């Protein structure tokens, strides 16, 4: 053994010596002609033109609006594979709709305000503005490489004064209607980013969604939008989106809005000589006889008062707030702290019960108090076992049939009251609720509806955001900035450290201003707006992006809205999508959008949530360290891998692409290697739109081969642009015709309705296979019609290849110089073409299908000589089998494949 060289197992040495690692092949393109096509057709593809009217149906699709929108990106400076996927989807569908004759709106812009740019500017000692502008320029060039076509004349940039002037105008409209207000509030404070977070920006474990810091509580005066004013509409109108939005997204929004119908109960509490009432909300008033304790949140006023001078309780509260291990309310610690000296009674039975401080009680739900019913609630049951393990559990409701059973010692369903409830025994749950409400009366109980939704906290103590357009005057109070003074622009040249509260407060020249109402000295508001405000209305601005006076004119809003198809990630299900729905309903109610469709003012008629793109991830089997690409050799099909140093087999998994895991793929590099069309087609083909896409770059070669066969069809066939005569079709032409019509139907439905884009690619591959095998047996008219239809169907997915094929097959014809993307989308020919009794069989030579034949009889028991008689004389047999010995003939199951083994 030589010192300094790794010991590699013999089997691995053999593997290394006989196979070429995929990693070393990634940089090279197998088919460089695709990048040449990208360069040739780039200018044409980025500036789509309207499709000519259909002369046979002048009204169909012409001038009818179709607004397709993909969620705009934050300008980080580089696009990732997730961007490639979402923007490929929207580009393909926009090109399809344009070919159908629609007036397509497909805009793009930049979600450019926010903490990442501010933090990057601090780290690099540059201005956030210059950093953002540089990134936008770079990402525009990357978009161009992707082969996508956006309406750049509609472009919006949220950090541009001509955009945020209208964000400020929106704020003032909300303020005018009483929907923007300032209030003291206990807020979520991010100690790292030093800013306030909305409830939606705090994870279930209590961490900041952006920095990851454990969120603290602070009392500050903040700005809010009254989203709760539209809570009923926001909930009810989700029904209008059934079958148009993913059920998962609708359910997430329903749960976040969180409407619960139940009862408010007031429990009499006595602390020393002081008497008070603790209000509790419950959806199960029928279990009131089974209440065995009262649980309060750590922030409840009774707990705050009891903590004064009680060091043990103070310690419990501090530990509870610091407890970040829980994933959510269901999994929070069931630790409790028994409050001494507090007497609480059940208002129905008069029984006394203990009062606990409990971590699992949410301070934002109801009044921060829960009635504990261990016999009928899983969390209460777990809490009681943890804190009162030797005490019995009371059961007051049971099932109405023998089949009704308890789960883990508790009964959580509705039923009838047990004999332990005395006079209430036998009442159904519904009857018990009515009886208890009547007996307790309004002093102690009442029907109630609770909502989880809270008003939207919109102020932030950061620099890089839209300034809040109000002035604070000692005499006049809060005064809105006059419309003619908008925008209130961000001051430049101030020192931003990211520490110590709002940076704008340090810009004294900017802060100090005259009051618009009385002209006395006043101060501007130094907070900026949550960046989700910028994205809550951008979809409307695209319709009228050059309007200097209005967010959008009512006329253009009615003509262009709503968005017909919205494409983006499911991670925006609550924040962005809910806020956009709120703003849409405000725009409608205030007359800015006078006539929304179906009177529901929903901004997005149909929603597609694409899955994430995962990368192949390797870790060291000994240390768990993530391995860089240059540390691993990956062999074809990703089935085998080996560490270059040490020869060990690494652990392998598919995970979200990230720099820290070294599993990212640069989409621009990928396109440079394989071509935009092949990359786009592979993105669509590799997985259904809503599923996770495991990125396997080596498989692009299969798509490339398919596209090359399409180009070959356009070059090698004998075309005639006359109308095919269906009544004269031979059997081969009937086969081709029927497959073509079925493909047109399938692809159209996938693009228009199901968005099953992976099946469109596979359907086109099947059509190409059929055409390649059968077109030689078809008339020039059928050859032309089938090939040009294939190119039109392919054009939205692989536009450069489709244009190249279209150009090739129309040289020297009346359509020379025309463009396939400017042609009408093919429609299904409903005329019936009957097949003969013959069926197609595939003929393979040494395992590879070379051509197809039509036969009338079953082949299962045919002799070898008979099978040879079928193929003898066929030009493809002459090409592949002439002069070779037939070793064996294998007839596949069902007789659809015959494989000739030759030597």
Foldseek 3Di string as FASTA:
>chain_A
DDPPAFDADPVLVVVVVPFAFPLVVQLFFPDLVQVVLLVVCLVVLQDDDAFDADPVDRPFQAAAEAEEEEFEEALPQADFVQVLLQQLLRQLLQLQSRLQNHPYAYAYEHLYFDDVLLVVCQVVVHDSVVNRVNSVVNVVVVVSQLSGYHPHVLYDYCLDQLQLLQLLVLQVLLVVVVFKDKDKDWFWAAQQLGKTDWPVQAAQLQAGVPPRGRTDIDTDIFMFGNLVVCLVLLLVCLVLLVQQEPPVLNVVQCVQQPKAWAKKFWKWKDFPNDIDTDIATDRQVLCLVQFAEKEFECPQPVNVVLCVVPVVSVVVSVVLSVRRPANHLVRRDLDWAWRPRMWIARLVPRDTHTYIYGSSQDCLWDNRMHGQQLQADPSSVVSCCVPPVPDDHDDFAFAPDPPTDADPRHRHDWHFTPCVVPPRGGHGSVRSRVVVCVVSDPVGMDIDMTTNDDTTGWWIQEQRAQFNQWWADPVPGIGGDDSVPPDLHRDPDFDDNSDDTHSQVVVVVSQWAAHPPPRHIIGGDRTHTDSLSSLLCVQQCSQPVPDSRHSHALVSLQSHDANAEYEEASVCSHRNQSSNLSSQVVCCVVSRNPDHPPPSSRRYSHYDHFAAEWFKWWAAPPPRQTDASVQKRAGPPSPFMFGPHNGDGTDIDTDHDDPRRNGTDRVSSLCSNHNSLLVLLCSLQQDFGHYYGYDDSVVSVVSVVLLVLLLVLLADDQADQDADDLVPDDQLLLVLLVLLLVLLVVLVCCSPPVVRRNVNSVSLSVSSVSCVQRVVVGDNNSSHVSSLLSLLSSCSRRVSSSQSSVCNNCVPHPCHPPGSSNHRHDHRDPDDRDHDQWDKAFEAEQPHTQHIDTDNDACPPPDPVVVVVRCPPPPSCCVPPPPWDFPDWDQDPPRRYIYTYTD
